[in-house]
Amino acid sequence: MLKIYSDSPAEGLDEILALAETAEEIPPAPEGGIPKQWLPGFIRWPLRVILLPFILIDLAAQRIARSLIRPPFKREGKCLKRGNCCHYILVPEDKGFLGKLFYMWNTQVLGFYKRRDGAFESDGKRVLVMGCRYLKKDGACGRYFLRPTVCRKWPIIEYFGYPRIIKGCGFKVVNKD
């Protein structure tokens, strides 16, 4: 088994992402198992349903903006439903009250859980490595209709910087030139 911990946070993140790219089977759950959500489902699911139209409007606006101002890269291919990107989701780590609220939203409402304690450095930002509790054994999403924005936008193609993609996921990014 590949050891994913190291002394250098950046080196550890590279090892984790390399593991995600080459994994042929589902990674083991974190030590102690996947933590339970303390927010009851009768609160979680209505929140997601209420916010879904706003998320869809935001994504439509981004699509319109992308058609007016084209990013330097374009996405090709399709998802192979391996689930590797769902086991290693990078979520920004924020400090203070809003950071705690953002973390609670990600873990209690969206269904992510920390795969590893501590934060890593990625593109000059501190990120947490999270996994999704709703991923099925066959790699398909168990809550596809109400999936989070990060899942709807994957792979992420930025206007500035390089696209974020996991090798072997089925998508590839090509330069538009």
C-alpha atoms as a PDB file:
ATOM      1  CA  MET A   1       0.000   0.000   0.000  1.00  0.00           C
ATOM      2  CA  LEU A   2       1.304   3.440  -0.932  1.00  0.00           C
ATOM      3  CA  LYS A   3       1.981   5.646   2.068  1.00  0.00           C
ATOM      4  CA  ILE A   4       0.214   8.971   1.579  1.00  0.00           C
ATOM      5  CA  TYR A   5       1.650  10.835   4.558  1.00  0.00           C
ATOM      6  CA  SER A   6       4.863  12.819   4.409  1.00  0.00           C
ATOM      7  CA  ASP A   7       6.711  15.574   6.246  1.00  0.00           C
ATOM      8  CA  SER A   8       6.104  18.099   3.474  1.00  0.00           C
ATOM      9  CA  PRO A   9       2.418  19.008   2.951  1.00  0.00           C
ATOM     10  CA  ALA A  10       2.925  19.756  -0.762  1.00  0.00           C
ATOM     11  CA  GLU A  11       4.712  16.443  -1.266  1.00  0.00           C
ATOM     12  CA  GLY A  12       1.922  14.635   0.599  1.00  0.00           C
ATOM     13  CA  LEU A  13      -0.721  16.232  -1.617  1.00  0.00           C
ATOM     14  CA  ASP A  14       1.163  15.171  -4.749  1.00  0.00           C
ATOM     15  CA  GLU A  15       1.255  11.611  -3.428  1.00  0.00           C
ATOM     16  CA  ILE A  16      -2.478  11.676  -2.650  1.00  0.00           C
ATOM     17  CA  LEU A  17      -3.343  12.990  -6.124  1.00  0.00           C
ATOM     18  CA  ALA A  18      -1.046  10.414  -7.745  1.00  0.00           C
ATOM     19  CA  LEU A  19      -2.870   7.748  -5.760  1.00  0.00           C
ATOM     20  CA  ALA A  20      -6.216   9.101  -7.015  1.00  0.00           C
ATOM     21  CA  GLU A  21      -5.019   9.012 -10.634  1.00  0.00           C
ATOM     22  CA  THR A  22      -3.791   5.416 -10.544  1.00  0.00           C
ATOM     23  CA  ALA A  23      -6.209   3.756  -8.105  1.00  0.00           C
ATOM     24  CA  GLU A  24      -7.880   0.646  -9.467  1.00  0.00           C
ATOM     25  CA  GLU A  25     -10.009   0.031  -6.376  1.00  0.00           C
ATOM     26  CA  ILE A  26     -11.837   2.072  -3.765  1.00  0.00           C
ATOM     27  CA  PRO A  27      -9.453   3.560  -1.199  1.00  0.00           C
ATOM     28  CA  PRO A  28      -9.939   2.514   2.410  1.00  0.00           C
ATOM     29  CA  ALA A  29     -12.079   4.694   4.658  1.00  0.00           C
ATOM     30  CA  PRO A  30     -10.192   7.030   6.984  1.00  0.00           C
ATOM     31  CA  GLU A  31      -9.071   5.704  10.344  1.00  0.00           C
ATOM     32  CA  GLY A  32     -12.155   5.247  12.505  1.00  0.00           C
ATOM     33  CA  GLY A  33     -14.428   5.057   9.447  1.00  0.00           C
ATOM     34  CA  ILE A  34     -16.518   7.711   7.761  1.00  0.00           C
ATOM     35  CA  PRO A  35     -17.814  10.060  10.462  1.00  0.00           C
ATOM     36  CA  LYS A  36     -21.560  10.275  10.963  1.00  0.00           C
ATOM     37  CA  GLN A  37     -23.394  13.464  10.078  1.00  0.00           C
ATOM     38  CA  TRP A  38     -24.999  15.062  13.120  1.00  0.00           C
ATOM     39  CA  LEU A  39     -27.347  17.288  11.095  1.00  0.00           C
ATOM     40  CA  PRO A  40     -30.541  15.262  10.499  1.00  0.00           C
ATOM     41  CA  GLY A  41     -31.581  14.375   6.961  1.00  0.00           C
ATOM     42  CA  PHE A  42     -34.896  16.247   7.257  1.00  0.00           C
ATOM     43  CA  ILE A  43     -32.823  19.453   7.488  1.00  0.00           C
ATOM     44  CA  ARG A  44     -29.997  18.539   5.043  1.00  0.00           C
ATOM     45  CA  TRP A  45     -32.100  17.539   2.055  1.00  0.00           C
ATOM     46  CA  PRO A  46     -34.589  20.453   2.058  1.00  0.00           C
ATOM     47  CA  LEU A  47     -31.621  22.863   2.237  1.00  0.00           C
ATOM     48  CA  ARG A  48     -30.110  21.279  -0.848  1.00  0.00           C
ATOM     49  CA  VAL A  49     -33.444  21.255  -2.714  1.00  0.00           C
ATOM     50  CA  ILE A  50     -34.134  24.919  -1.854  1.00  0.00           C
ATOM     51  CA  LEU A  51     -30.668  25.993  -3.055  1.00  0.00           C
ATOM     52  CA  LEU A  52     -30.665  23.869  -6.239  1.00  0.00           C
ATOM     53  CA  PRO A  53     -32.368  26.499  -8.479  1.00  0.00           C
ATOM     54  CA  PHE A  54     -29.799  29.115  -7.416  1.00  0.00           C
ATOM     55  CA  ILE A  55     -26.950  26.718  -8.165  1.00  0.00           C
ATOM     56  CA  LEU A  56     -28.406  25.953 -11.603  1.00  0.00           C
ATOM     57  CA  ILE A  57     -28.842  29.684 -12.353  1.00  0.00           C
ATOM     58  CA  ASP A  58     -25.225  30.323 -11.315  1.00  0.00           C
ATOM     59  CA  LEU A  59     -23.957  27.500 -13.535  1.00  0.00           C
ATOM     60  CA  ALA A  60     -26.024  28.793 -16.485  1.00  0.00           C
ATOM     61  CA  ALA A  61     -24.586  32.290 -15.985  1.00  0.00           C
ATOM     62  CA  GLN A  62     -21.074  30.823 -15.931  1.00  0.00           C
ATOM     63  CA  ARG A  63     -21.796  28.932 -19.161  1.00  0.00           C
ATOM     64  CA  ILE A  64     -22.975  32.167 -20.816  1.00  0.00           C
ATOM     65  CA  ALA A  65     -19.879  34.014 -19.582  1.00  0.00           C
ATOM     66  CA  ARG A  66     -17.677  31.171 -20.896  1.00  0.00           C
ATOM     67  CA  SER A  67     -19.288  31.518 -24.324  1.00  0.00           C
ATOM     68  CA  LEU A  68     -18.561  35.272 -24.358  1.00  0.00           C
ATOM     69  CA  ILE A  69     -15.054  35.110 -22.885  1.00  0.00           C
ATOM     70  CA  ARG A  70     -13.527  31.804 -23.792  1.00  0.00           C
ATOM     71  CA  PRO A  71     -10.997  30.164 -21.455  1.00  0.00           C
ATOM     72  CA  PRO A  72      -7.682  29.076 -23.046  1.00  0.00           C
ATOM     73  CA  PHE A  73      -8.487  25.359 -22.589  1.00  0.00           C
ATOM     74  CA  LYS A  74     -11.438  23.182 -23.504  1.00  0.00           C
ATOM     75  CA  ARG A  75     -12.680  19.895 -22.087  1.00  0.00           C
ATOM     76  CA  GLU A  76     -13.046  16.761 -24.189  1.00  0.00           C
ATOM     77  CA  GLY A  77     -14.182  13.240 -23.358  1.00  0.00           C
ATOM     78  CA  LYS A  78     -16.667  11.988 -20.813  1.00  0.00           C
ATOM     79  CA  CYS A  79     -16.727  10.716 -17.248  1.00  0.00           C
ATOM     80  CA  LEU A  80     -15.773   7.046 -16.917  1.00  0.00           C
ATOM     81  CA  LYS A  81     -17.552   6.841 -13.517  1.00  0.00           C
ATOM     82  CA  ARG A  82     -14.534   5.407 -11.725  1.00  0.00           C
ATOM     83  CA  GLY A  83     -15.196   7.637  -8.701  1.00  0.00           C
ATOM     84  CA  ASN A  84     -11.522   8.491  -8.156  1.00  0.00           C
ATOM     85  CA  CYS A  85     -12.173  12.235  -8.246  1.00  0.00           C
ATOM     86  CA  CYS A  86     -14.893  11.774  -5.598  1.00  0.00           C
ATOM     87  CA  HIS A  87     -12.505  10.202  -3.111  1.00  0.00           C
ATOM     88  CA  TYR A  88     -10.024  13.096  -3.219  1.00  0.00           C
ATOM     89  CA  ILE A  89     -11.902  16.414  -3.371  1.00  0.00           C
ATOM     90  CA  LEU A  90      -9.835  19.494  -2.549  1.00  0.00           C
ATOM     91  CA  VAL A  91     -11.873  21.996  -0.523  1.00  0.00           C
ATOM     92  CA  PRO A  92     -10.384  25.370   0.514  1.00  0.00           C
ATOM     93  CA  GLU A  93      -9.631  25.711   4.209  1.00  0.00           C
ATOM     94  CA  ASP A  94     -10.939  28.982   5.595  1.00  0.00           C
ATOM     95  CA  LYS A  95     -10.350  30.443   9.036  1.00  0.00           C
ATOM     96  CA  GLY A  96     -12.722  32.154  11.438  1.00  0.00           C
ATOM     97  CA  PHE A  97     -16.484  31.913  11.775  1.00  0.00           C
ATOM     98  CA  LEU A  98     -17.187  31.818   8.033  1.00  0.00           C
ATOM     99  CA  GLY A  99     -14.567  29.097   7.628  1.00  0.00           C
ATOM    100  CA  LYS A 100     -16.269  26.975  10.284  1.00  0.00           C
ATOM    101  CA  LEU A 101     -19.628  27.585   8.627  1.00  0.00           C
ATOM    102  CA  PHE A 102     -18.191  26.607   5.228  1.00  0.00           C
ATOM    103  CA  TYR A 103     -16.679  23.438   6.739  1.00  0.00           C
ATOM    104  CA  MET A 104     -20.005  22.568   8.385  1.00  0.00           C
ATOM    105  CA  TRP A 105     -21.806  23.111   5.073  1.00  0.00           C
ATOM    106  CA  ASN A 106     -19.390  20.795   3.263  1.00  0.00           C
ATOM    107  CA  THR A 107     -19.477  18.035   5.874  1.00  0.00           C
ATOM    108  CA  GLN A 108     -23.033  18.170   7.198  1.00  0.00           C
ATOM    109  CA  VAL A 109     -25.082  19.292   4.196  1.00  0.00           C
ATOM    110  CA  LEU A 110     -23.074  18.282   1.121  1.00  0.00           C
ATOM    111  CA  GLY A 111     -21.879  14.989   2.596  1.00  0.00           C
ATOM    112  CA  PHE A 112     -18.100  15.336   2.341  1.00  0.00           C
ATOM    113  CA  TYR A 113     -15.796  13.991   5.043  1.00  0.00           C
ATOM    114  CA  LYS A 114     -12.134  14.570   5.792  1.00  0.00           C
ATOM    115  CA  ARG A 115      -9.938  11.842   4.339  1.00  0.00           C
ATOM    116  CA  ARG A 116      -6.924  13.075   6.287  1.00  0.00           C
ATOM    117  CA  ASP A 117      -6.310  15.443   9.194  1.00  0.00           C
ATOM    118  CA  GLY A 118      -4.488  18.647   8.389  1.00  0.00           C
ATOM    119  CA  ALA A 119      -4.391  20.938   5.393  1.00  0.00           C
ATOM    120  CA  PHE A 120      -2.188  20.986   2.299  1.00  0.00           C
ATOM    121  CA  GLU A 121      -0.838  23.751   0.090  1.00  0.00           C
ATOM    122  CA  SER A 122      -2.269  23.789  -3.448  1.00  0.00           C
ATOM    123  CA  ASP A 123      -1.872  26.699  -5.873  1.00  0.00           C
ATOM    124  CA  GLY A 124      -0.983  29.003  -2.978  1.00  0.00           C
ATOM    125  CA  LYS A 125      -4.096  28.087  -0.969  1.00  0.00           C
ATOM    126  CA  ARG A 126      -4.596  25.764   1.981  1.00  0.00           C
ATOM    127  CA  VAL A 127      -6.934  22.920   1.106  1.00  0.00           C
ATOM    128  CA  LEU A 128      -8.475  19.961   2.902  1.00  0.00           C
ATOM    129  CA  VAL A 129      -8.639  16.547   1.254  1.00  0.00           C
ATOM    130  CA  MET A 130     -12.236  15.356   1.448  1.00  0.00           C
ATOM    131  CA  GLY A 131     -14.179  12.358   0.195  1.00  0.00           C
ATOM    132  CA  CYS A 132     -17.845  11.932  -0.687  1.00  0.00           C
ATOM    133  CA  ARG A 133     -19.993   9.631   1.404  1.00  0.00           C
ATOM    134  CA  TYR A 134     -22.597   9.218  -1.365  1.00  0.00           C
ATOM    135  CA  LEU A 135     -20.356   7.477  -3.881  1.00  0.00           C
ATOM    136  CA  LYS A 136     -21.613   4.011  -4.792  1.00  0.00           C
ATOM    137  CA  LYS A 137     -19.325   0.990  -5.045  1.00  0.00           C
ATOM    138  CA  ASP A 138     -19.553   1.049  -8.861  1.00  0.00           C
ATOM    139  CA  GLY A 139     -18.225   4.648  -8.967  1.00  0.00           C
ATOM    140  CA  ALA A 140     -21.582   6.286  -9.694  1.00  0.00           C
ATOM    141  CA  CYS A 141     -23.003   9.147  -7.641  1.00  0.00           C
ATOM    142  CA  GLY A 142     -25.693   8.120  -5.167  1.00  0.00           C
ATOM    143  CA  ARG A 143     -27.162  11.659  -5.075  1.00  0.00           C
ATOM    144  CA  TYR A 144     -26.601  12.750  -8.669  1.00  0.00           C
ATOM    145  CA  PHE A 145     -29.594  15.117  -8.914  1.00  0.00           C
ATOM    146  CA  LEU A 146     -28.557  17.036  -5.768  1.00  0.00           C
ATOM    147  CA  ARG A 147     -24.792  16.804  -6.250  1.00  0.00           C
ATOM    148  CA  PRO A 148     -22.677  19.776  -5.069  1.00  0.00           C
ATOM    149  CA  THR A 149     -21.426  22.516  -7.383  1.00  0.00           C
ATOM    150  CA  VAL A 150     -17.850  21.234  -7.308  1.00  0.00           C
ATOM    151  CA  CYS A 151     -19.115  17.954  -8.758  1.00  0.00           C
ATOM    152  CA  ARG A 152     -21.263  19.678 -11.384  1.00  0.00           C
ATOM    153  CA  LYS A 153     -18.304  21.758 -12.629  1.00  0.00           C
ATOM    154  CA  TRP A 154     -15.674  18.968 -12.646  1.00  0.00           C
ATOM    155  CA  PRO A 155     -13.165  19.021 -14.281  1.00  0.00           C
ATOM    156  CA  ILE A 156     -12.514  22.641 -13.429  1.00  0.00           C
ATOM    157  CA  ILE A 157     -11.183  24.761 -16.281  1.00  0.00           C
ATOM    158  CA  GLU A 158     -10.020  28.151 -15.049  1.00  0.00           C
ATOM    159  CA  TYR A 159      -9.577  31.352 -17.037  1.00  0.00           C
ATOM    160  CA  PHE A 160      -6.194  31.854 -15.381  1.00  0.00           C
ATOM    161  CA  GLY A 161      -3.920  28.999 -14.417  1.00  0.00           C
ATOM    162  CA  TYR A 162      -4.068  25.374 -15.410  1.00  0.00           C
ATOM    163  CA  PRO A 163      -7.110  23.108 -15.435  1.00  0.00           C
ATOM    164  CA  ARG A 164      -7.622  20.690 -12.561  1.00  0.00           C
ATOM    165  CA  ILE A 165      -8.145  17.153 -13.741  1.00  0.00           C
ATOM    166  CA  ILE A 166      -7.314  13.652 -12.540  1.00  0.00           C
ATOM    167  CA  LYS A 167      -5.636  11.441 -15.121  1.00  0.00           C
ATOM    168  CA  GLY A 168      -7.653   8.434 -16.131  1.00  0.00           C
ATOM    169  CA  CYS A 169     -11.038  10.015 -15.375  1.00  0.00           C
ATOM    170  CA  GLY A 170     -12.095  10.053 -19.031  1.00  0.00           C
ATOM    171  CA  PHE A 171     -11.800  13.790 -19.534  1.00  0.00           C
ATOM    172  CA  LYS A 172      -8.859  15.478 -21.150  1.00  0.00           C
ATOM    173  CA  VAL A 173      -8.064  19.141 -21.523  1.00  0.00           C
ATOM    174  CA  VAL A 174      -6.700  20.568 -24.758  1.00  0.00           C
ATOM    175  CA  ASN A 175      -5.424  24.008 -25.632  1.00  0.00           C
ATOM    176  CA  LYS A 176      -7.923  25.909 -27.785  1.00  0.00           C
ATOM    177  CA  ASP A 177      -5.239  27.172 -30.182  1.00  0.00           C
END
